Amino acid sequence: MKPAAVLPAVMAVTLSLAGCAGSGGDQNANQEGGSPAASATAAANGTPGAAASPPAAEQTPAPAGTAASAAALDPAALQPVFGFAGEAGKQILVTREDKDGEEQMQALDTAIGSGGQVLKVRFQGWQTGNDQDNGRELAVNLPNLSGYVFTVEGKAAAPDDTYYLADSAAFNLEAMVPVEPASADAEQLPEADPVRKSITDAKHREIMSAWKLAALPPGRELYLVQFVRQDKDMLFSLVLEDNGKLSFMDYPAEITDNEYSVWRVDDGGEVIPQMFSLLFAARTADGLLLGVNWLGAEGINSFFLSQTGETFKELDIQYGRYTSPM
């Protein structure tokens, strides 16, 4: 298969800003969804404390070498609250079916978006949905959905982007590290690239495709690697290279009756860089914590990966936006 088989579907979703909470086949619930790996298996079957920094309109992660660079985020302090921005970027909606979390929402004053963008937000209140709701968590449909609305103060949010909502008293913003996304038109890693060879040697498996997703200074880079199919066994990994050391988050899958939906609905049995982006990266006591967006044909899954040594594990906090094109 070639990436071109998947890219039109991906770009169609991106251009229409068309992801999953509450309905649809390729999704995770905002509060309770299963892990992306588990969701991927289902999709193939047709189902889907540290001191706080002062809030700011927009904050840039502290560069390495500064005193703030020693700060660490406690993953246990993370809350399962995600939302998406409206068309003007001045509102963020956290979709909910029931009005039962207002106390939690009132404490949230920070929104963190793609690449570590930090915005100050203010809780506005509950919004009741209406009969114009088309079931899509998209900016154009935001006024019709039920949930909690936040007002963005200062610089606007990126319309239709996913945001993680946090209490700055519990989420240590100084622990965040810079995210430098790779160029959208970057080529694959060449066969002779030493990182590619190191990954092959570590997994004892030939690579089909390997792409750099982002740099996470100092000295760290994140890669997306799909390995050569072995009979019905498929595998791709998110790989962090840190000064020669590799840490893996593996996503194995088994091809069943539908070879065109392996990890996500209609993924064509391939993963490409346009499917993935980072919400943010932050230091923890054990390594890095990555907030990841995974774009599929029917929606966007957002989740956290926590590093320990040579592996990552998925945290239970996940979110799915259902944005399937009409």
C-alpha atoms as a PDB file:
ATOM      1  CA  MET A   1       0.000   0.000   0.000  1.00  0.00           C
ATOM      2  CA  LYS A   2       1.073   3.581  -0.515  1.00  0.00           C
ATOM      3  CA  PRO A   3       0.416   6.553   1.773  1.00  0.00           C
ATOM      4  CA  ALA A   4      -1.604   8.070  -1.044  1.00  0.00           C
ATOM      5  CA  ALA A   5      -4.295   5.490  -0.341  1.00  0.00           C
ATOM      6  CA  VAL A   6      -4.862   6.990   3.075  1.00  0.00           C
ATOM      7  CA  LEU A   7      -3.934  10.630   2.580  1.00  0.00           C
ATOM      8  CA  PRO A   8      -7.106  11.664   0.699  1.00  0.00           C
ATOM      9  CA  ALA A   9      -9.270  10.394   3.555  1.00  0.00           C
ATOM     10  CA  VAL A  10      -7.059  12.088   6.100  1.00  0.00           C
ATOM     11  CA  MET A  11      -6.988  15.358   4.230  1.00  0.00           C
ATOM     12  CA  ALA A  12     -10.741  15.236   3.716  1.00  0.00           C
ATOM     13  CA  VAL A  13     -11.167  15.023   7.444  1.00  0.00           C
ATOM     14  CA  THR A  14      -8.598  17.766   8.025  1.00  0.00           C
ATOM     15  CA  LEU A  15      -9.971  20.169   5.438  1.00  0.00           C
ATOM     16  CA  SER A  16     -13.535  19.734   6.613  1.00  0.00           C
ATOM     17  CA  LEU A  17     -12.212  19.699  10.154  1.00  0.00           C
ATOM     18  CA  ALA A  18     -14.215  16.647  10.301  1.00  0.00           C
ATOM     19  CA  GLY A  19     -13.341  13.289  15.350  1.00  0.00           C
ATOM     20  CA  CYS A  20     -15.574  11.395  18.584  1.00  0.00           C
ATOM     21  CA  ALA A  21     -17.484  11.753  21.824  1.00  0.00           C
ATOM     22  CA  GLY A  22     -20.896  10.383  22.433  1.00  0.00           C
ATOM     23  CA  SER A  23     -21.661   8.912  18.991  1.00  0.00           C
ATOM     24  CA  GLY A  24     -20.071   7.304  15.963  1.00  0.00           C
ATOM     25  CA  GLY A  25     -18.021   4.209  15.357  1.00  0.00           C
ATOM     26  CA  ASP A  26     -14.425   5.476  15.622  1.00  0.00           C
ATOM     27  CA  GLN A  27     -14.397   7.204  18.974  1.00  0.00           C
ATOM     28  CA  ASN A  28     -13.649   7.368  22.684  1.00  0.00           C
ATOM     29  CA  ALA A  29     -15.992   8.975  25.181  1.00  0.00           C
ATOM     30  CA  ASN A  30     -14.762  12.262  26.658  1.00  0.00           C
ATOM     31  CA  GLN A  31     -14.681  10.839  30.166  1.00  0.00           C
ATOM     32  CA  GLU A  32     -14.671   7.113  29.815  1.00  0.00           C
ATOM     33  CA  GLY A  33     -13.286   5.998  26.443  1.00  0.00           C
ATOM     34  CA  GLY A  34     -11.048   2.955  26.110  1.00  0.00           C
ATOM     35  CA  SER A  35      -7.370   3.134  25.183  1.00  0.00           C
ATOM     36  CA  PRO A  36      -6.475   4.013  21.577  1.00  0.00           C
ATOM     37  CA  ALA A  37      -4.912   0.575  21.180  1.00  0.00           C
ATOM     38  CA  ALA A  38      -8.141  -1.080  22.311  1.00  0.00           C
ATOM     39  CA  SER A  39     -10.167   1.337  20.192  1.00  0.00           C
ATOM     40  CA  ALA A  40      -8.002   0.478  17.201  1.00  0.00           C
ATOM     41  CA  THR A  41      -8.823  -3.212  17.594  1.00  0.00           C
ATOM     42  CA  ALA A  42     -12.494  -2.382  17.865  1.00  0.00           C
ATOM     43  CA  ALA A  43     -12.254  -0.046  14.892  1.00  0.00           C
ATOM     44  CA  ALA A  44     -10.945  -2.856  12.757  1.00  0.00           C
ATOM     45  CA  ASN A  45     -14.170  -4.674  13.555  1.00  0.00           C
ATOM     46  CA  GLY A  46     -16.288  -1.655  12.708  1.00  0.00           C
ATOM     47  CA  THR A  47     -16.648  -0.221  16.254  1.00  0.00           C
ATOM     48  CA  PRO A  48     -14.713   1.968  17.244  1.00  0.00           C
ATOM     49  CA  GLY A  49       2.482  18.850  42.839  1.00  0.00           C
ATOM     50  CA  ALA A  50       4.484  21.293  42.062  1.00  0.00           C
ATOM     51  CA  ALA A  51       4.220  25.042  42.444  1.00  0.00           C
ATOM     52  CA  ALA A  52       1.904  26.626  39.921  1.00  0.00           C
ATOM     53  CA  SER A  53       3.124  29.174  37.431  1.00  0.00           C
ATOM     54  CA  PRO A  54       1.054  32.331  37.047  1.00  0.00           C
ATOM     55  CA  PRO A  55      -1.656  32.084  34.394  1.00  0.00           C
ATOM     56  CA  ALA A  56      -0.854  33.959  31.212  1.00  0.00           C
ATOM     57  CA  ALA A  57      -2.596  34.727  27.979  1.00  0.00           C
ATOM     58  CA  GLU A  58      -0.017  32.534  26.299  1.00  0.00           C
ATOM     59  CA  GLN A  59       3.048  30.884  27.792  1.00  0.00           C
ATOM     60  CA  THR A  60       6.115  29.409  26.137  1.00  0.00           C
ATOM     61  CA  PRO A  61       7.753  26.331  27.710  1.00  0.00           C
ATOM     62  CA  ALA A  62      10.959  27.141  29.560  1.00  0.00           C
ATOM     63  CA  PRO A  63      14.110  26.442  27.542  1.00  0.00           C
ATOM     64  CA  ALA A  64      16.497  23.758  28.698  1.00  0.00           C
ATOM     65  CA  GLY A  65      19.142  24.917  31.119  1.00  0.00           C
ATOM     66  CA  THR A  66      16.931  27.330  33.014  1.00  0.00           C
ATOM     67  CA  ALA A  67      15.913  26.785  36.619  1.00  0.00           C
ATOM     68  CA  ALA A  68      12.368  26.026  35.467  1.00  0.00           C
ATOM     69  CA  SER A  69      13.649  23.152  33.309  1.00  0.00           C
ATOM     70  CA  ALA A  70      14.051  21.039  36.470  1.00  0.00           C
ATOM     71  CA  ALA A  71      10.301  21.193  37.140  1.00  0.00           C
ATOM     72  CA  ALA A  72       8.292  17.992  36.798  1.00  0.00           C
ATOM     73  CA  LEU A  73       4.638  17.266  36.151  1.00  0.00           C
ATOM     74  CA  ASP A  74       2.778  14.734  38.271  1.00  0.00           C
ATOM     75  CA  PRO A  75       0.703  12.542  35.894  1.00  0.00           C
ATOM     76  CA  ALA A  76      -1.645  11.763  38.802  1.00  0.00           C
ATOM     77  CA  ALA A  77      -2.713  15.417  38.761  1.00  0.00           C
ATOM     78  CA  LEU A  78      -4.117  15.161  35.224  1.00  0.00           C
ATOM     79  CA  GLN A  79      -7.880  15.375  34.830  1.00  0.00           C
ATOM     80  CA  PRO A  80     -10.018  13.888  32.016  1.00  0.00           C
ATOM     81  CA  VAL A  81     -11.142  17.200  30.539  1.00  0.00           C
ATOM     82  CA  PHE A  82     -10.732  17.986  26.846  1.00  0.00           C
ATOM     83  CA  GLY A  83     -12.609  20.340  24.570  1.00  0.00           C
ATOM     84  CA  PHE A  84     -12.421  22.020  21.183  1.00  0.00           C
ATOM     85  CA  ALA A  85     -12.383  25.614  20.012  1.00  0.00           C
ATOM     86  CA  GLY A  86     -15.131  27.471  18.204  1.00  0.00           C
ATOM     87  CA  GLU A  87     -14.922  29.226  14.862  1.00  0.00           C
ATOM     88  CA  ALA A  88     -13.628  32.525  16.278  1.00  0.00           C
ATOM     89  CA  GLY A  89     -11.265  30.840  18.732  1.00  0.00           C
ATOM     90  CA  LYS A  90     -12.803  32.697  21.671  1.00  0.00           C
ATOM     91  CA  GLN A  91     -14.736  29.764  23.123  1.00  0.00           C
ATOM     92  CA  ILE A  92     -13.813  26.209  24.055  1.00  0.00           C
ATOM     93  CA  LEU A  93     -16.565  23.662  24.618  1.00  0.00           C
ATOM     94  CA  VAL A  94     -16.223  20.612  26.855  1.00  0.00           C
ATOM     95  CA  THR A  95     -19.045  18.401  25.640  1.00  0.00           C
ATOM     96  CA  ARG A  96     -21.187  16.657  28.224  1.00  0.00           C
ATOM     97  CA  GLU A  97     -24.564  15.003  28.188  1.00  0.00           C
ATOM     98  CA  ASP A  98     -25.292  15.746  31.839  1.00  0.00           C
ATOM     99  CA  LYS A  99     -24.809  18.884  33.904  1.00  0.00           C
ATOM    100  CA  ASP A 100     -22.999  17.193  36.769  1.00  0.00           C
ATOM    101  CA  GLY A 101     -19.399  18.503  36.720  1.00  0.00           C
ATOM    102  CA  GLU A 102     -19.671  22.237  37.284  1.00  0.00           C
ATOM    103  CA  GLU A 103     -17.557  22.279  40.440  1.00  0.00           C
ATOM    104  CA  GLN A 104     -14.697  20.601  38.599  1.00  0.00           C
ATOM    105  CA  MET A 105     -15.045  22.938  35.623  1.00  0.00           C
ATOM    106  CA  GLN A 106     -14.953  26.105  37.732  1.00  0.00           C
ATOM    107  CA  ALA A 107     -11.391  25.280  38.855  1.00  0.00           C
ATOM    108  CA  LEU A 108     -10.049  25.057  35.292  1.00  0.00           C
ATOM    109  CA  ASP A 109      -8.217  28.178  34.084  1.00  0.00           C
ATOM    110  CA  THR A 110      -5.797  26.928  31.417  1.00  0.00           C
ATOM    111  CA  ALA A 111      -6.158  25.402  27.969  1.00  0.00           C
ATOM    112  CA  ILE A 112      -3.239  23.634  26.301  1.00  0.00           C
ATOM    113  CA  GLY A 113      -3.357  23.095  22.570  1.00  0.00           C
ATOM    114  CA  SER A 114      -1.359  21.821  19.639  1.00  0.00           C
ATOM    115  CA  GLY A 115       2.401  22.099  20.086  1.00  0.00           C
ATOM    116  CA  GLY A 116       2.094  23.259  23.679  1.00  0.00           C
ATOM    117  CA  GLN A 117       0.129  26.474  23.110  1.00  0.00           C
ATOM    118  CA  VAL A 118      -0.975  27.690  26.562  1.00  0.00           C
ATOM    119  CA  LEU A 119      -4.031  29.928  26.880  1.00  0.00           C
ATOM    120  CA  LYS A 120      -5.809  31.480  29.827  1.00  0.00           C
ATOM    121  CA  VAL A 121      -9.494  30.561  29.976  1.00  0.00           C
ATOM    122  CA  ARG A 122     -12.423  31.468  32.193  1.00  0.00           C
ATOM    123  CA  PHE A 123     -15.365  29.208  32.984  1.00  0.00           C
ATOM    124  CA  GLN A 124     -18.504  30.666  31.441  1.00  0.00           C
ATOM    125  CA  GLY A 125     -21.188  28.112  32.228  1.00  0.00           C
ATOM    126  CA  TRP A 126     -23.451  25.371  30.911  1.00  0.00           C
ATOM    127  CA  GLN A 127     -24.760  25.333  27.369  1.00  0.00           C
ATOM    128  CA  THR A 128     -27.889  23.369  26.503  1.00  0.00           C
ATOM    129  CA  GLY A 129     -27.870  21.593  23.152  1.00  0.00           C
ATOM    130  CA  ASN A 130     -30.563  22.021  20.535  1.00  0.00           C
ATOM    131  CA  ASP A 131     -32.186  20.151  17.659  1.00  0.00           C
ATOM    132  CA  GLN A 132     -29.724  21.622  15.140  1.00  0.00           C
ATOM    133  CA  ASP A 133     -26.975  19.411  16.549  1.00  0.00           C
ATOM    134  CA  ASN A 134     -25.584  17.120  13.825  1.00  0.00           C
ATOM    135  CA  GLY A 135     -23.568  15.003  16.261  1.00  0.00           C
ATOM    136  CA  ARG A 136     -20.192  16.309  15.091  1.00  0.00           C
ATOM    137  CA  GLU A 137     -17.763  17.929  17.496  1.00  0.00           C
ATOM    138  CA  LEU A 138     -16.786  20.674  15.092  1.00  0.00           C
ATOM    139  CA  ALA A 139     -16.517  24.435  15.475  1.00  0.00           C
ATOM    140  CA  VAL A 140     -19.453  25.010  13.150  1.00  0.00           C
ATOM    141  CA  ASN A 141     -21.624  22.782  15.365  1.00  0.00           C
ATOM    142  CA  LEU A 142     -20.362  24.112  18.713  1.00  0.00           C
ATOM    143  CA  PRO A 143     -23.411  26.361  19.367  1.00  0.00           C
ATOM    144  CA  ASN A 144     -25.700  23.334  19.057  1.00  0.00           C
ATOM    145  CA  LEU A 145     -23.942  20.921  21.435  1.00  0.00           C
ATOM    146  CA  SER A 146     -24.517  20.489  25.154  1.00  0.00           C
ATOM    147  CA  GLY A 147     -21.592  21.018  27.501  1.00  0.00           C
ATOM    148  CA  TYR A 148     -19.528  23.500  29.465  1.00  0.00           C
ATOM    149  CA  VAL A 149     -18.319  26.655  27.752  1.00  0.00           C
ATOM    150  CA  PHE A 150     -15.031  28.415  28.512  1.00  0.00           C
ATOM    151  CA  THR A 151     -14.098  31.907  27.315  1.00  0.00           C
ATOM    152  CA  VAL A 152     -10.586  32.311  25.919  1.00  0.00           C
ATOM    153  CA  GLU A 153      -8.871  35.389  27.320  1.00  0.00           C
ATOM    154  CA  GLY A 154      -6.076  37.086  25.396  1.00  0.00           C
ATOM    155  CA  LYS A 155      -4.826  35.406  22.225  1.00  0.00           C
ATOM    156  CA  ALA A 156      -7.464  33.303  20.482  1.00  0.00           C
ATOM    157  CA  ALA A 157      -7.443  29.542  20.299  1.00  0.00           C
ATOM    158  CA  ALA A 158      -6.948  27.829  16.949  1.00  0.00           C
ATOM    159  CA  PRO A 159     -10.456  27.229  15.556  1.00  0.00           C
ATOM    160  CA  ASP A 160     -11.548  23.586  15.696  1.00  0.00           C
ATOM    161  CA  ASP A 161      -8.381  22.473  17.501  1.00  0.00           C
ATOM    162  CA  THR A 162      -8.517  20.096  20.458  1.00  0.00           C
ATOM    163  CA  TYR A 163      -7.492  21.530  23.844  1.00  0.00           C
ATOM    164  CA  TYR A 164      -6.677  19.968  27.193  1.00  0.00           C
ATOM    165  CA  LEU A 165      -8.239  21.908  30.099  1.00  0.00           C
ATOM    166  CA  ALA A 166      -6.246  22.190  33.335  1.00  0.00           C
ATOM    167  CA  ASP A 167      -6.088  23.850  36.738  1.00  0.00           C
ATOM    168  CA  SER A 168      -2.824  25.803  36.771  1.00  0.00           C
ATOM    169  CA  ALA A 169      -2.571  25.187  40.523  1.00  0.00           C
ATOM    170  CA  ALA A 170      -2.227  21.455  39.841  1.00  0.00           C
ATOM    171  CA  PHE A 171      -0.695  21.332  36.349  1.00  0.00           C
ATOM    172  CA  ASN A 172       2.907  22.514  36.549  1.00  0.00           C
ATOM    173  CA  LEU A 173       3.284  24.546  33.362  1.00  0.00           C
ATOM    174  CA  GLU A 174       7.021  24.974  34.004  1.00  0.00           C
ATOM    175  CA  ALA A 175       7.447  21.248  33.360  1.00  0.00           C
ATOM    176  CA  MET A 176       6.479  21.625  29.714  1.00  0.00           C
ATOM    177  CA  VAL A 177       9.192  21.267  27.099  1.00  0.00           C
ATOM    178  CA  PRO A 178       9.253  22.860  23.615  1.00  0.00           C
ATOM    179  CA  VAL A 179       7.635  20.980  20.743  1.00  0.00           C
ATOM    180  CA  GLU A 180       9.111  21.538  17.279  1.00  0.00           C
ATOM    181  CA  PRO A 181       6.946  19.692  14.716  1.00  0.00           C
ATOM    182  CA  ALA A 182       8.679  18.265  11.679  1.00  0.00           C
ATOM    183  CA  SER A 183       7.973  19.899   8.357  1.00  0.00           C
ATOM    184  CA  ALA A 184       4.703  18.769   6.806  1.00  0.00           C
ATOM    185  CA  ASP A 185       6.536  17.819   3.596  1.00  0.00           C
ATOM    186  CA  ALA A 186       9.484  16.079   5.272  1.00  0.00           C
ATOM    187  CA  GLU A 187      10.743  12.923   3.600  1.00  0.00           C
ATOM    188  CA  GLN A 188      11.022   9.555   5.303  1.00  0.00           C
ATOM    189  CA  LEU A 189      14.209   8.692   7.131  1.00  0.00           C
ATOM    190  CA  PRO A 190      16.667   7.335   4.542  1.00  0.00           C
ATOM    191  CA  GLU A 191      17.678   3.702   4.722  1.00  0.00           C
ATOM    192  CA  ALA A 192      21.176   4.643   5.938  1.00  0.00           C
ATOM    193  CA  ASP A 193      19.935   6.829   8.800  1.00  0.00           C
ATOM    194  CA  PRO A 194      21.516   5.538  12.061  1.00  0.00           C
ATOM    195  CA  VAL A 195      18.283   6.038  14.016  1.00  0.00           C
ATOM    196  CA  ARG A 196      16.436   3.851  11.544  1.00  0.00           C
ATOM    197  CA  LYS A 197      19.075   1.142  11.900  1.00  0.00           C
ATOM    198  CA  SER A 198      18.935   1.387  15.713  1.00  0.00           C
ATOM    199  CA  ILE A 199      15.163   0.914  15.659  1.00  0.00           C
ATOM    200  CA  THR A 200      15.430  -2.086  13.345  1.00  0.00           C
ATOM    201  CA  ASP A 201      18.042  -3.679  15.594  1.00  0.00           C
ATOM    202  CA  ALA A 202      16.018  -2.996  18.761  1.00  0.00           C
ATOM    203  CA  LYS A 203      12.785  -4.527  17.398  1.00  0.00           C
ATOM    204  CA  HIS A 204      14.406  -7.247  15.255  1.00  0.00           C
ATOM    205  CA  ARG A 205      11.961  -6.298  12.512  1.00  0.00           C
ATOM    206  CA  GLU A 206      12.325  -4.607   9.156  1.00  0.00           C
ATOM    207  CA  ILE A 207      10.898  -1.109   8.726  1.00  0.00           C
ATOM    208  CA  MET A 208       8.353  -0.261   6.049  1.00  0.00           C
ATOM    209  CA  SER A 209       8.262   3.496   6.731  1.00  0.00           C
ATOM    210  CA  ALA A 210       9.842   5.841   9.261  1.00  0.00           C
ATOM    211  CA  TRP A 211       9.099   9.525   9.779  1.00  0.00           C
ATOM    212  CA  LYS A 212      10.245  12.188  12.209  1.00  0.00           C
ATOM    213  CA  LEU A 213       7.228  13.717  13.970  1.00  0.00           C
ATOM    214  CA  ALA A 214       8.852  16.314  16.219  1.00  0.00           C
ATOM    215  CA  ALA A 215      11.949  17.489  18.041  1.00  0.00           C
ATOM    216  CA  LEU A 216      11.692  17.857  21.817  1.00  0.00           C
ATOM    217  CA  PRO A 217      14.817  19.757  22.893  1.00  0.00           C
ATOM    218  CA  PRO A 218      17.347  19.133  24.139  1.00  0.00           C
ATOM    219  CA  GLY A 219      18.521  16.108  22.208  1.00  0.00           C
ATOM    220  CA  ARG A 220      15.193  14.273  21.857  1.00  0.00           C
ATOM    221  CA  GLU A 221      13.241  13.383  18.740  1.00  0.00           C
ATOM    222  CA  LEU A 222       9.940  11.567  18.235  1.00  0.00           C
ATOM    223  CA  TYR A 223       9.428   9.200  15.314  1.00  0.00           C
ATOM    224  CA  LEU A 224       6.539   7.325  13.726  1.00  0.00           C
ATOM    225  CA  VAL A 225       7.640   3.924  12.480  1.00  0.00           C
ATOM    226  CA  GLN A 226       5.620   1.244  10.700  1.00  0.00           C
ATOM    227  CA  PHE A 227       7.191  -2.168  10.431  1.00  0.00           C
ATOM    228  CA  VAL A 228       6.936  -4.658   7.593  1.00  0.00           C
ATOM    229  CA  ARG A 229       3.874  -6.894   7.799  1.00  0.00           C
ATOM    230  CA  GLN A 230       4.490 -10.420   9.032  1.00  0.00           C
ATOM    231  CA  ASP A 231       1.670 -12.635   7.762  1.00  0.00           C
ATOM    232  CA  LYS A 232      -1.368 -11.149   9.566  1.00  0.00           C
ATOM    233  CA  ASP A 233       0.669  -9.322  12.185  1.00  0.00           C
ATOM    234  CA  MET A 234       0.956  -5.557  11.839  1.00  0.00           C
ATOM    235  CA  LEU A 235       2.938  -3.156  14.014  1.00  0.00           C
ATOM    236  CA  PHE A 236       3.672   0.520  14.243  1.00  0.00           C
ATOM    237  CA  SER A 237       5.419   2.386  17.043  1.00  0.00           C
ATOM    238  CA  LEU A 238       5.897   5.873  18.356  1.00  0.00           C
ATOM    239  CA  VAL A 239       9.611   5.996  19.168  1.00  0.00           C
ATOM    240  CA  LEU A 240      11.416   8.550  21.297  1.00  0.00           C
ATOM    241  CA  GLU A 241      15.139   8.856  20.638  1.00  0.00           C
ATOM    242  CA  ASP A 242      16.996  10.595  23.466  1.00  0.00           C
ATOM    243  CA  ASN A 243      20.733  10.919  22.868  1.00  0.00           C
ATOM    244  CA  GLY A 244      20.936   7.411  21.462  1.00  0.00           C
ATOM    245  CA  LYS A 245      18.439   5.765  23.824  1.00  0.00           C
ATOM    246  CA  LEU A 246      15.137   4.504  22.415  1.00  0.00           C
ATOM    247  CA  SER A 247      11.741   4.291  24.119  1.00  0.00           C
ATOM    248  CA  PHE A 248       8.791   2.629  22.383  1.00  0.00           C
ATOM    249  CA  MET A 249       5.015   2.804  22.426  1.00  0.00           C
ATOM    250  CA  ASP A 250       3.938  -0.172  20.321  1.00  0.00           C
ATOM    251  CA  TYR A 251       0.632  -0.571  18.511  1.00  0.00           C
ATOM    252  CA  PRO A 252       0.326  -4.157  17.272  1.00  0.00           C
ATOM    253  CA  ALA A 253      -2.679  -5.279  15.256  1.00  0.00           C
ATOM    254  CA  GLU A 254      -3.862  -8.433  13.532  1.00  0.00           C
ATOM    255  CA  ILE A 255      -5.468  -8.291  10.123  1.00  0.00           C
ATOM    256  CA  THR A 256      -8.842 -10.015  10.146  1.00  0.00           C
ATOM    257  CA  ASP A 257     -11.457  -9.760   7.414  1.00  0.00           C
ATOM    258  CA  ASN A 258     -10.932  -6.088   6.595  1.00  0.00           C
ATOM    259  CA  GLU A 259      -7.422  -5.164   5.512  1.00  0.00           C
ATOM    260  CA  TYR A 260      -8.459  -1.556   4.973  1.00  0.00           C
ATOM    261  CA  SER A 261      -9.315  -0.966   8.642  1.00  0.00           C
ATOM    262  CA  VAL A 262      -6.436  -2.179  10.790  1.00  0.00           C
ATOM    263  CA  TRP A 263      -5.778   0.308  13.602  1.00  0.00           C
ATOM    264  CA  ARG A 264      -8.533   2.802  12.807  1.00  0.00           C
ATOM    265  CA  VAL A 265     -11.560   2.746  10.523  1.00  0.00           C
ATOM    266  CA  ASP A 266     -10.467   3.169   6.884  1.00  0.00           C
ATOM    267  CA  ASP A 267      -6.790   3.661   7.705  1.00  0.00           C
ATOM    268  CA  GLY A 268      -5.735   1.624   4.683  1.00  0.00           C
ATOM    269  CA  GLY A 269      -3.460  -0.481   6.864  1.00  0.00           C
ATOM    270  CA  GLU A 270      -0.939   2.361   7.069  1.00  0.00           C
ATOM    271  CA  VAL A 271       0.037   5.169   9.380  1.00  0.00           C
ATOM    272  CA  ILE A 272       1.452   8.466   8.099  1.00  0.00           C
ATOM    273  CA  PRO A 273       2.679  11.639   9.847  1.00  0.00           C
ATOM    274  CA  GLN A 274      -0.428  13.633   8.939  1.00  0.00           C
ATOM    275  CA  MET A 275      -2.388  11.404  11.320  1.00  0.00           C
ATOM    276  CA  PHE A 276      -0.411  12.445  14.410  1.00  0.00           C
ATOM    277  CA  SER A 277       0.395  15.622  16.314  1.00  0.00           C
ATOM    278  CA  LEU A 278       1.436  16.534  19.847  1.00  0.00           C
ATOM    279  CA  LEU A 279      -0.742  18.544  22.200  1.00  0.00           C
ATOM    280  CA  PHE A 280       2.255  19.030  24.442  1.00  0.00           C
ATOM    281  CA  ALA A 281       5.246  17.353  26.062  1.00  0.00           C
ATOM    282  CA  ALA A 282       6.228  17.662  29.723  1.00  0.00           C
ATOM    283  CA  ARG A 283       8.848  16.311  32.093  1.00  0.00           C
ATOM    284  CA  THR A 284       7.832  13.890  34.838  1.00  0.00           C
ATOM    285  CA  ALA A 285       9.895  12.198  37.540  1.00  0.00           C
ATOM    286  CA  ASP A 286      10.226   9.127  35.276  1.00  0.00           C
ATOM    287  CA  GLY A 287      10.668  10.665  31.839  1.00  0.00           C
ATOM    288  CA  LEU A 288       8.444  12.491  29.380  1.00  0.00           C
ATOM    289  CA  LEU A 289       4.679  12.728  29.226  1.00  0.00           C
ATOM    290  CA  LEU A 290       3.278  13.180  25.740  1.00  0.00           C
ATOM    291  CA  GLY A 291      -0.188  14.420  24.850  1.00  0.00           C
ATOM    292  CA  VAL A 292      -0.981  12.914  21.456  1.00  0.00           C
ATOM    293  CA  ASN A 293      -3.678  13.541  18.834  1.00  0.00           C
ATOM    294  CA  TRP A 294      -4.392  10.692  16.423  1.00  0.00           C
ATOM    295  CA  LEU A 295      -6.499  11.642  13.400  1.00  0.00           C
ATOM    296  CA  GLY A 296      -8.680   9.028  11.749  1.00  0.00           C
ATOM    297  CA  ALA A 297     -11.293   8.995   9.004  1.00  0.00           C
ATOM    298  CA  GLU A 298     -14.118   9.407  11.522  1.00  0.00           C
ATOM    299  CA  GLY A 299     -12.522  11.424  14.277  1.00  0.00           C
ATOM    300  CA  ILE A 300      -9.628  12.493  16.478  1.00  0.00           C
ATOM    301  CA  ASN A 301      -8.456  10.502  19.487  1.00  0.00           C
ATOM    302  CA  SER A 302      -6.422  12.344  22.136  1.00  0.00           C
ATOM    303  CA  PHE A 303      -4.508  10.549  24.870  1.00  0.00           C
ATOM    304  CA  PHE A 304      -1.453  10.643  27.144  1.00  0.00           C
ATOM    305  CA  LEU A 305       1.693   8.521  26.953  1.00  0.00           C
ATOM    306  CA  SER A 306       3.898   8.320  30.046  1.00  0.00           C
ATOM    307  CA  GLN A 307       7.536   7.273  29.696  1.00  0.00           C
ATOM    308  CA  THR A 308       9.269   4.878  32.036  1.00  0.00           C
ATOM    309  CA  GLY A 309      12.695   3.724  30.871  1.00  0.00           C
ATOM    310  CA  GLU A 310      12.520   2.158  27.418  1.00  0.00           C
ATOM    311  CA  THR A 311       8.735   2.051  27.175  1.00  0.00           C
ATOM    312  CA  PHE A 312       5.680   4.247  27.247  1.00  0.00           C
ATOM    313  CA  LYS A 313       2.318   3.392  28.690  1.00  0.00           C
ATOM    314  CA  GLU A 314      -1.066   4.872  27.914  1.00  0.00           C
ATOM    315  CA  LEU A 315      -2.819   6.625  30.753  1.00  0.00           C
ATOM    316  CA  ASP A 316      -6.523   6.057  31.279  1.00  0.00           C
ATOM    317  CA  ILE A 317      -7.305   9.689  30.403  1.00  0.00           C
ATOM    318  CA  GLN A 318      -8.476   9.852  26.801  1.00  0.00           C
ATOM    319  CA  TYR A 319     -10.838  11.808  24.581  1.00  0.00           C
ATOM    320  CA  GLY A 320     -12.490  11.182  21.244  1.00  0.00           C
ATOM    321  CA  ARG A 321     -14.026  13.751  18.911  1.00  0.00           C
ATOM    322  CA  TYR A 322     -16.463  12.423  16.334  1.00  0.00           C
ATOM    323  CA  THR A 323     -15.983  14.539  13.202  1.00  0.00           C
ATOM    324  CA  SER A 324     -16.937  12.184  10.394  1.00  0.00           C
ATOM    325  CA  PRO A 325     -17.828  14.102   7.213  1.00  0.00           C
ATOM    326  CA  MET A 326     -21.531  14.437   6.596  1.00  0.00           C
END
